[in-house]
Amino acid sequence: KLEVTFPSDHPLSSVLPQPVEGWDIKVTKSRLAEPLEV
């Protein structure tokens, strides 16, 4: 297993993992303290 935490001080509006053979992928989203404008 590999768990990667993305930076909360510089949140990214788009995060798209590429499928990897032999691995399940779970993407976790959280509400932002300050909304991003994209």
All heavy atoms as atom14 arrays in JSON, in Angstrom:
{
  "sequence": "KLEVTFPSDHPLSSVLPQPVEGWDIKVTKSRLAEPLEV",
  "atom14_mask": [
    [1, 1, 1, 1, 1, 1, 1, 1, 1, 0, 0, 0, 0, 0],
    [1, 1, 1, 1, 1, 1, 1, 1, 0, 0, 0, 0, 0, 0],
    [1, 1, 1, 1, 1, 1, 1, 1, 1, 0, 0, 0, 0, 0],
    [1, 1, 1, 1, 1, 1, 1, 0, 0, 0, 0, 0, 0, 0],
    [1, 1, 1, 1, 1, 1, 1, 0, 0, 0, 0, 0, 0, 0],
    [1, 1, 1, 1, 1, 1, 1, 1, 1, 1, 1, 0, 0, 0],
    [1, 1, 1, 1, 1, 1, 1, 0, 0, 0, 0, 0, 0, 0],
    [1, 1, 1, 1, 1, 1, 0, 0, 0, 0, 0, 0, 0, 0],
    [1, 1, 1, 1, 1, 1, 1, 1, 0, 0, 0, 0, 0, 0],
    [1, 1, 1, 1, 1, 1, 1, 1, 1, 1, 0, 0, 0, 0],
    [1, 1, 1, 1, 1, 1, 1, 0, 0, 0, 0, 0, 0, 0],
    [1, 1, 1, 1, 1, 1, 1, 1, 0, 0, 0, 0, 0, 0],
    [1, 1, 1, 1, 1, 1, 0, 0, 0, 0, 0, 0, 0, 0],
    [1, 1, 1, 1, 1, 1, 0, 0, 0, 0, 0, 0, 0, 0],
    [1, 1, 1, 1, 1, 1, 1, 0, 0, 0, 0, 0, 0, 0],
    [1, 1, 1, 1, 1, 1, 1, 1, 0, 0, 0, 0, 0, 0],
    [1, 1, 1, 1, 1, 1, 1, 0, 0, 0, 0, 0, 0, 0],
    [1, 1, 1, 1, 1, 1, 1, 1, 1, 0, 0, 0, 0, 0],
    [1, 1, 1, 1, 1, 1, 1, 0, 0, 0, 0, 0, 0, 0],
    [1, 1, 1, 1, 1, 1, 1, 0, 0, 0, 0, 0, 0, 0],
    [1, 1, 1, 1, 1, 1, 1, 1, 1, 0, 0, 0, 0, 0],
    [1, 1, 1, 1, 0, 0, 0, 0, 0, 0, 0, 0, 0, 0],
    [1, 1, 1, 1, 1, 1, 1, 1, 1, 1, 1, 1, 1, 1],
    [1, 1, 1, 1, 1, 1, 1, 1, 0, 0, 0, 0, 0, 0],
    [1, 1, 1, 1, 1, 1, 1, 1, 0, 0, 0, 0, 0, 0],
    [1, 1, 1, 1, 1, 1, 1, 1, 1, 0, 0, 0, 0, 0],
    [1, 1, 1, 1, 1, 1, 1, 0, 0, 0, 0, 0, 0, 0],
    [1, 1, 1, 1, 1, 1, 1, 0, 0, 0, 0, 0, 0, 0],
    [1, 1, 1, 1, 1, 1, 1, 1, 1, 0, 0, 0, 0, 0],
    [1, 1, 1, 1, 1, 1, 0, 0, 0, 0, 0, 0, 0, 0],
    [1, 1, 1, 1, 1, 1, 1, 1, 1, 1, 1, 0, 0, 0],
    [1, 1, 1, 1, 1, 1, 1, 1, 0, 0, 0, 0, 0, 0],
    [1, 1, 1, 1, 1, 0, 0, 0, 0, 0, 0, 0, 0, 0],
    [1, 1, 1, 1, 1, 1, 1, 1, 1, 0, 0, 0, 0, 0],
    [1, 1, 1, 1, 1, 1, 1, 0, 0, 0, 0, 0, 0, 0],
    [1, 1, 1, 1, 1, 1, 1, 1, 0, 0, 0, 0, 0, 0],
    [1, 1, 1, 1, 1, 1, 1, 1, 1, 0, 0, 0, 0, 0],
    [1, 1, 1, 1, 1, 1, 1, 0, 0, 0, 0, 0, 0, 0]
  ],
  "atom14_positions": [
    [[0.83, -1.21, 0.0], [0.0, 0.0, 0.0], [0.87, 1.25, 0.0], [1.93, 1.28, 0.62], [-0.93, 0.03, 1.22], [-1.86, 1.25, 1.27], [-2.62, 1.35, 2.58], [-3.68, 0.28, 2.69], [-4.54, 0.48, 3.9], [0.0, 0.0, 0.0], [0.0, 0.0, 0.0], [0.0, 0.0, 0.0], [0.0, 0.0, 0.0], [0.0, 0.0, 0.0]],
    [[0.38, 2.28, -0.72], [1.01, 3.6, -0.7], [-0.07, 4.64, -0.5], [-1.05, 4.68, -1.23], [1.75, 3.87, -2.01], [2.31, 5.3, -2.16], [3.46, 5.52, -1.19], [2.76, 5.57, -3.6], [0.0, 0.0, 0.0], [0.0, 0.0, 0.0], [0.0, 0.0, 0.0], [0.0, 0.0, 0.0], [0.0, 0.0, 0.0], [0.0, 0.0, 0.0]],
    [[0.12, 5.49, 0.51], [-0.81, 6.59, 0.78], [-0.05, 7.91, 0.63], [0.94, 8.14, 1.33], [-1.38, 6.48, 2.19], [-2.15, 5.2, 2.45], [-2.52, 5.06, 3.92], [-3.43, 5.78, 4.37], [-1.87, 4.23, 4.6], [0.0, 0.0, 0.0], [0.0, 0.0, 0.0], [0.0, 0.0, 0.0], [0.0, 0.0, 0.0], [0.0, 0.0, 0.0]],
    [[-0.52, 8.75, -0.28], [0.12, 10.04, -0.52], [-0.84, 11.16, -0.14], [-1.96, 11.23, -0.65], [0.54, 10.2, -2.0], [1.11, 11.6, -2.24], [1.57, 9.15, -2.37], [0.0, 0.0, 0.0], [0.0, 0.0, 0.0], [0.0, 0.0, 0.0], [0.0, 0.0, 0.0], [0.0, 0.0, 0.0], [0.0, 0.0, 0.0], [0.0, 0.0, 0.0]],
    [[-0.4, 12.01, 0.79], [-1.2, 13.15, 1.22], [-0.81, 14.38, 0.4], [0.38, 14.72, 0.31], [-0.99, 13.44, 2.72], [-1.38, 12.29, 3.47], [-1.8, 14.64, 3.17], [0.0, 0.0, 0.0], [0.0, 0.0, 0.0], [0.0, 0.0, 0.0], [0.0, 0.0, 0.0], [0.0, 0.0, 0.0], [0.0, 0.0, 0.0], [0.0, 0.0, 0.0]],
    [[-1.8, 15.03, -0.19], [-1.53, 16.2, -1.02], [-1.53, 17.46, -0.16], [-2.23, 17.54, 0.85], [-2.57, 16.3, -2.14], [-2.32, 15.31, -3.25], [-2.47, 13.95, -3.04], [-1.89, 15.75, -4.5], [-2.22, 13.04, -4.06], [-1.62, 14.86, -5.51], [-1.79, 13.49, -5.3], [0.0, 0.0, 0.0], [0.0, 0.0, 0.0], [0.0, 0.0, 0.0]],
    [[-0.72, 18.46, -0.56], [-0.53, 19.65, 0.29], [-1.82, 20.43, 0.51], [-2.53, 20.75, -0.45], [0.5, 20.48, -0.49], [0.41, 19.99, -1.9], [0.05, 18.54, -1.81], [0.0, 0.0, 0.0], [0.0, 0.0, 0.0], [0.0, 0.0, 0.0], [0.0, 0.0, 0.0], [0.0, 0.0, 0.0], [0.0, 0.0, 0.0], [0.0, 0.0, 0.0]],
    [[-2.12, 20.74, 1.77], [-3.31, 21.51, 2.1], [-3.07, 23.01, 2.01], [-4.01, 23.78, 1.85], [-3.78, 21.15, 3.52], [-2.75, 21.39, 4.47], [0.0, 0.0, 0.0], [0.0, 0.0, 0.0], [0.0, 0.0, 0.0], [0.0, 0.0, 0.0], [0.0, 0.0, 0.0], [0.0, 0.0, 0.0], [0.0, 0.0, 0.0], [0.0, 0.0, 0.0]],
    [[-1.79, 23.41, 2.11], [-1.48, 24.84, 2.01], [-1.51, 25.32, 0.56], [-1.65, 26.52, 0.31], [-0.12, 25.14, 2.64], [1.0, 24.3, 2.06], [0.69, 23.27, 1.42], [2.18, 24.66, 2.23], [0.0, 0.0, 0.0], [0.0, 0.0, 0.0], [0.0, 0.0, 0.0], [0.0, 0.0, 0.0], [0.0, 0.0, 0.0], [0.0, 0.0, 0.0]],
    [[-1.37, 24.4, -0.39], [-1.48, 24.72, -1.81], [-2.34, 23.65, -2.49], [-1.82, 22.8, -3.22], [-0.11, 24.8, -2.49], [0.74, 25.94, -2.0], [1.67, 25.78, -1.0], [0.78, 27.25, -2.35], [2.27, 26.94, -0.78], [1.74, 27.84, -1.57], [0.0, 0.0, 0.0], [0.0, 0.0, 0.0], [0.0, 0.0, 0.0], [0.0, 0.0, 0.0]],
    [[-3.65, 23.67, -2.23], [-4.53, 22.63, -2.79], [-4.56, 22.67, -4.31], [-4.45, 23.73, -4.93], [-5.9, 22.96, -2.19], [-5.82, 24.4, -1.82], [-4.39, 24.66, -1.44], [0.0, 0.0, 0.0], [0.0, 0.0, 0.0], [0.0, 0.0, 0.0], [0.0, 0.0, 0.0], [0.0, 0.0, 0.0], [0.0, 0.0, 0.0], [0.0, 0.0, 0.0]],
    [[-4.7, 21.48, -4.9], [-4.73, 21.35, -6.36], [-6.16, 21.06, -6.8], [-6.82, 20.17, -6.27], [-3.8, 20.22, -6.81], [-2.33, 20.39, -6.4], [-1.54, 19.13, -6.73], [-1.72, 21.6, -7.09], [0.0, 0.0, 0.0], [0.0, 0.0, 0.0], [0.0, 0.0, 0.0], [0.0, 0.0, 0.0], [0.0, 0.0, 0.0], [0.0, 0.0, 0.0]],
    [[-6.63, 21.83, -7.79], [-8.02, 21.68, -8.23], [-8.24, 20.42, -9.05], [-9.35, 19.91, -9.14], [-8.43, 22.9, -9.07], [-7.6, 23.04, -10.21], [0.0, 0.0, 0.0], [0.0, 0.0, 0.0], [0.0, 0.0, 0.0], [0.0, 0.0, 0.0], [0.0, 0.0, 0.0], [0.0, 0.0, 0.0], [0.0, 0.0, 0.0], [0.0, 0.0, 0.0]],
    [[-7.18, 19.91, -9.67], [-7.3, 18.71, -10.51], [-6.24, 17.69, -10.12], [-5.04, 17.99, -10.16], [-7.15, 19.09, -11.99], [-7.17, 17.93, -12.8], [0.0, 0.0, 0.0], [0.0, 0.0, 0.0], [0.0, 0.0, 0.0], [0.0, 0.0, 0.0], [0.0, 0.0, 0.0], [0.0, 0.0, 0.0], [0.0, 0.0, 0.0], [0.0, 0.0, 0.0]],
    [[-6.68, 16.49, -9.73], [-5.79, 15.37, -9.41], [-6.38, 14.12, -10.05], [-7.44, 13.65, -9.64], [-5.63, 15.18, -7.89], [-4.77, 13.95, -7.6], [-5.03, 16.42, -7.25], [0.0, 0.0, 0.0], [0.0, 0.0, 0.0], [0.0, 0.0, 0.0], [0.0, 0.0, 0.0], [0.0, 0.0, 0.0], [0.0, 0.0, 0.0], [0.0, 0.0, 0.0]],
    [[-5.71, 13.59, -11.08], [-6.23, 12.44, -11.83], [-5.18, 11.32, -11.86], [-4.21, 11.4, -12.63], [-6.59, 12.86, -13.26], [-7.63, 13.97, -13.4], [-7.77, 14.37, -14.86], [-8.97, 13.52, -12.83], [0.0, 0.0, 0.0], [0.0, 0.0, 0.0], [0.0, 0.0, 0.0], [0.0, 0.0, 0.0], [0.0, 0.0, 0.0], [0.0, 0.0, 0.0]],
    [[-5.33, 10.3, -11.05], [-4.37, 9.19, -11.06], [-4.52, 8.35, -12.34], [-5.63, 8.17, -12.84], [-4.74, 8.36, -9.83], [-5.65, 9.22, -9.02], [-6.33, 10.13, -9.98], [0.0, 0.0, 0.0], [0.0, 0.0, 0.0], [0.0, 0.0, 0.0], [0.0, 0.0, 0.0], [0.0, 0.0, 0.0], [0.0, 0.0, 0.0], [0.0, 0.0, 0.0]],
    [[-3.41, 7.86, -12.84], [-3.43, 6.94, -13.97], [-3.59, 5.51, -13.44], [-2.94, 5.14, -12.47], [-2.13, 7.04, -14.77], [-2.06, 6.09, -15.95], [-0.77, 6.27, -16.74], [-0.32, 7.37, -16.96], [-0.17, 5.16, -17.14], [0.0, 0.0, 0.0], [0.0, 0.0, 0.0], [0.0, 0.0, 0.0], [0.0, 0.0, 0.0], [0.0, 0.0, 0.0]],
    [[-4.46, 4.71, -14.06], [-4.62, 3.33, -13.6], [-3.29, 2.58, -13.64], [-2.5, 2.73, -14.58], [-5.62, 2.73, -14.6], [-6.37, 3.9, -15.13], [-5.38, 5.04, -15.17], [0.0, 0.0, 0.0], [0.0, 0.0, 0.0], [0.0, 0.0, 0.0], [0.0, 0.0, 0.0], [0.0, 0.0, 0.0], [0.0, 0.0, 0.0], [0.0, 0.0, 0.0]],
    [[-3.04, 1.78, -12.6], [-1.83, 0.97, -12.51], [-2.27, -0.48, -12.38], [-3.03, -0.83, -11.46], [-0.97, 1.38, -11.31], [0.27, 0.5, -11.21], [-0.57, 2.85, -11.4], [0.0, 0.0, 0.0], [0.0, 0.0, 0.0], [0.0, 0.0, 0.0], [0.0, 0.0, 0.0], [0.0, 0.0, 0.0], [0.0, 0.0, 0.0], [0.0, 0.0, 0.0]],
    [[-1.79, -1.32, -13.28], [-2.21, -2.72, -13.28], [-1.82, -3.4, -11.96], [-0.69, -3.28, -11.49], [-1.55, -3.45, -14.46], [-2.01, -4.89, -14.62], [-1.41, -5.56, -15.84], [-0.68, -4.88, -16.6], [-1.67, -6.77, -16.04], [0.0, 0.0, 0.0], [0.0, 0.0, 0.0], [0.0, 0.0, 0.0], [0.0, 0.0, 0.0], [0.0, 0.0, 0.0]],
    [[-2.79, -4.1, -11.39], [-2.54, -4.82, -10.14], [-2.76, -4.0, -8.89], [-2.51, -4.48, -7.78], [0.0, 0.0, 0.0], [0.0, 0.0, 0.0], [0.0, 0.0, 0.0], [0.0, 0.0, 0.0], [0.0, 0.0, 0.0], [0.0, 0.0, 0.0], [0.0, 0.0, 0.0], [0.0, 0.0, 0.0], [0.0, 0.0, 0.0], [0.0, 0.0, 0.0]],
    [[-3.28, -2.76, -9.05], [-3.48, -1.88, -7.9], [-4.86, -1.23, -7.94], [-5.31, -0.79, -8.99], [-2.41, -0.79, -7.86], [-1.02, -1.31, -7.63], [-0.2, -1.89, -8.54], [-0.3, -1.31, -6.39], [0.99, -2.26, -7.96], [0.95, -1.91, -6.65], [-0.59, -0.86, -5.1], [1.91, -2.06, -5.65], [0.36, -1.01, -4.11], [1.6, -1.6, -4.39]],
    [[-5.51, -1.17, -6.78], [-6.74, -0.4, -6.61], [-6.37, 1.02, -6.2], [-5.39, 1.21, -5.45], [-7.64, -1.03, -5.55], [-8.31, -2.31, -6.04], [-8.62, -2.38, -7.25], [-8.51, -3.23, -5.22], [0.0, 0.0, 0.0], [0.0, 0.0, 0.0], [0.0, 0.0, 0.0], [0.0, 0.0, 0.0], [0.0, 0.0, 0.0], [0.0, 0.0, 0.0]],
    [[-7.17, 1.99, -6.67], [-6.87, 3.4, -6.38], [-8.09, 4.04, -5.71], [-9.21, 3.92, -6.19], [-6.51, 4.17, -7.66], [-5.33, 3.52, -8.37], [-6.18, 5.63, -7.33], [-5.01, 4.15, -9.71], [0.0, 0.0, 0.0], [0.0, 0.0, 0.0], [0.0, 0.0, 0.0], [0.0, 0.0, 0.0], [0.0, 0.0, 0.0], [0.0, 0.0, 0.0]],
    [[-7.84, 4.73, -4.61], [-8.89, 5.46, -3.92], [-8.49, 6.92, -3.8], [-7.39, 7.23, -3.32], [-9.12, 4.87, -2.52], [-10.2, 5.61, -1.73], [-10.37, 5.03, -0.33], [-11.42, 5.8, 0.47], [-11.56, 5.27, 1.84], [0.0, 0.0, 0.0], [0.0, 0.0, 0.0], [0.0, 0.0, 0.0], [0.0, 0.0, 0.0], [0.0, 0.0, 0.0]],
    [[-9.38, 7.81, -4.26], [-9.13, 9.25, -4.2], [-10.01, 9.85, -3.1], [-11.23, 9.68, -3.12], [-9.43, 9.91, -5.55], [-9.23, 11.42, -5.45], [-8.54, 9.33, -6.64], [0.0, 0.0, 0.0], [0.0, 0.0, 0.0], [0.0, 0.0, 0.0], [0.0, 0.0, 0.0], [0.0, 0.0, 0.0], [0.0, 0.0, 0.0], [0.0, 0.0, 0.0]],
    [[-9.38, 10.54, -2.15], [-10.1, 11.16, -1.04], [-10.12, 12.67, -1.21], [-9.08, 13.29, -1.41], [-9.44, 10.81, 0.3], [-9.38, 9.38, 0.45], [-10.21, 11.4, 1.47], [0.0, 0.0, 0.0], [0.0, 0.0, 0.0], [0.0, 0.0, 0.0], [0.0, 0.0, 0.0], [0.0, 0.0, 0.0], [0.0, 0.0, 0.0], [0.0, 0.0, 0.0]],
    [[-11.34, 13.25, -1.13], [-11.5, 14.7, -1.22], [-11.94, 15.26, 0.12], [-12.63, 14.61, 0.88], [-12.53, 15.06, -2.29], [-12.09, 14.74, -3.71], [-13.13, 15.22, -4.72], [-12.68, 14.94, -6.15], [-13.67, 15.44, -7.14], [0.0, 0.0, 0.0], [0.0, 0.0, 0.0], [0.0, 0.0, 0.0], [0.0, 0.0, 0.0], [0.0, 0.0, 0.0]],
    [[-11.55, 16.51, 0.36], [-11.94, 17.19, 1.59], [-12.36, 18.62, 1.27], [-11.91, 19.21, 0.27], [-10.78, 17.21, 2.61], [-10.37, 15.89, 2.93], [0.0, 0.0, 0.0], [0.0, 0.0, 0.0], [0.0, 0.0, 0.0], [0.0, 0.0, 0.0], [0.0, 0.0, 0.0], [0.0, 0.0, 0.0], [0.0, 0.0, 0.0], [0.0, 0.0, 0.0]],
    [[-13.21, 19.17, 2.14], [-13.68, 20.54, 1.94], [-12.56, 21.53, 2.29], [-11.83, 21.34, 3.27], [-14.92, 20.81, 2.79], [-15.59, 22.14, 2.48], [-16.95, 22.21, 3.13], [-17.85, 21.2, 2.57], [-18.55, 21.39, 1.45], [-18.44, 22.53, 0.76], [-19.35, 20.44, 1.0], [0.0, 0.0, 0.0], [0.0, 0.0, 0.0], [0.0, 0.0, 0.0]],
    [[-12.45, 22.56, 1.48], [-11.4, 23.55, 1.66], [-11.85, 24.66, 2.62], [-13.03, 25.04, 2.62], [-11.01, 24.18, 0.32], [-10.47, 23.21, -0.74], [-10.26, 23.95, -2.06], [-9.17, 22.58, -0.27], [0.0, 0.0, 0.0], [0.0, 0.0, 0.0], [0.0, 0.0, 0.0], [0.0, 0.0, 0.0], [0.0, 0.0, 0.0], [0.0, 0.0, 0.0]],
    [[-10.91, 25.16, 3.4], [-11.21, 26.28, 4.29], [-11.52, 27.53, 3.47], [-12.42, 28.32, 3.81], [-10.04, 26.53, 5.23], [0.0, 0.0, 0.0], [0.0, 0.0, 0.0], [0.0, 0.0, 0.0], [0.0, 0.0, 0.0], [0.0, 0.0, 0.0], [0.0, 0.0, 0.0], [0.0, 0.0, 0.0], [0.0, 0.0, 0.0], [0.0, 0.0, 0.0]],
    [[-10.77, 27.71, 2.38], [-11.01, 28.83, 1.47], [-11.18, 28.27, 0.06], [-10.27, 27.6, -0.45], [-9.84, 29.82, 1.51], [-9.65, 30.5, 2.86], [-8.53, 31.52, 2.82], [-7.98, 31.74, 1.72], [-8.19, 32.08, 3.88], [0.0, 0.0, 0.0], [0.0, 0.0, 0.0], [0.0, 0.0, 0.0], [0.0, 0.0, 0.0], [0.0, 0.0, 0.0]],
    [[-12.31, 28.53, -0.6], [-12.55, 28.0, -1.94], [-11.51, 28.49, -2.95], [-10.97, 29.59, -2.84], [-13.95, 28.53, -2.29], [-14.58, 28.84, -0.97], [-13.45, 29.29, -0.09], [0.0, 0.0, 0.0], [0.0, 0.0, 0.0], [0.0, 0.0, 0.0], [0.0, 0.0, 0.0], [0.0, 0.0, 0.0], [0.0, 0.0, 0.0], [0.0, 0.0, 0.0]],
    [[-11.24, 27.63, -3.93], [-10.36, 28.01, -5.02], [-11.19, 28.54, -6.19], [-12.31, 28.1, -6.41], [-9.55, 26.79, -5.5], [-8.53, 26.19, -4.54], [-7.95, 24.92, -5.16], [-7.42, 27.18, -4.24], [0.0, 0.0, 0.0], [0.0, 0.0, 0.0], [0.0, 0.0, 0.0], [0.0, 0.0, 0.0], [0.0, 0.0, 0.0], [0.0, 0.0, 0.0]],
    [[-10.62, 29.48, -6.93], [-11.27, 29.98, -8.14], [-10.48, 29.51, -9.35], [-9.32, 29.89, -9.54], [-11.38, 31.51, -8.13], [-12.19, 32.05, -9.3], [-12.5, 33.52, -9.17], [-12.36, 34.08, -8.06], [-12.9, 34.13, -10.18], [0.0, 0.0, 0.0], [0.0, 0.0, 0.0], [0.0, 0.0, 0.0], [0.0, 0.0, 0.0], [0.0, 0.0, 0.0]],
    [[-11.11, 28.66, -10.16], [-10.45, 28.08, -11.33], [-11.35, 28.32, -12.55], [-12.5, 27.9, -12.57], [-10.2, 26.58, -11.15], [-9.51, 25.99, -12.38], [-9.38, 26.31, -9.9], [0.0, 0.0, 0.0], [0.0, 0.0, 0.0], [0.0, 0.0, 0.0], [0.0, 0.0, 0.0], [0.0, 0.0, 0.0], [0.0, 0.0, 0.0], [0.0, 0.0, 0.0]]
  ]
}
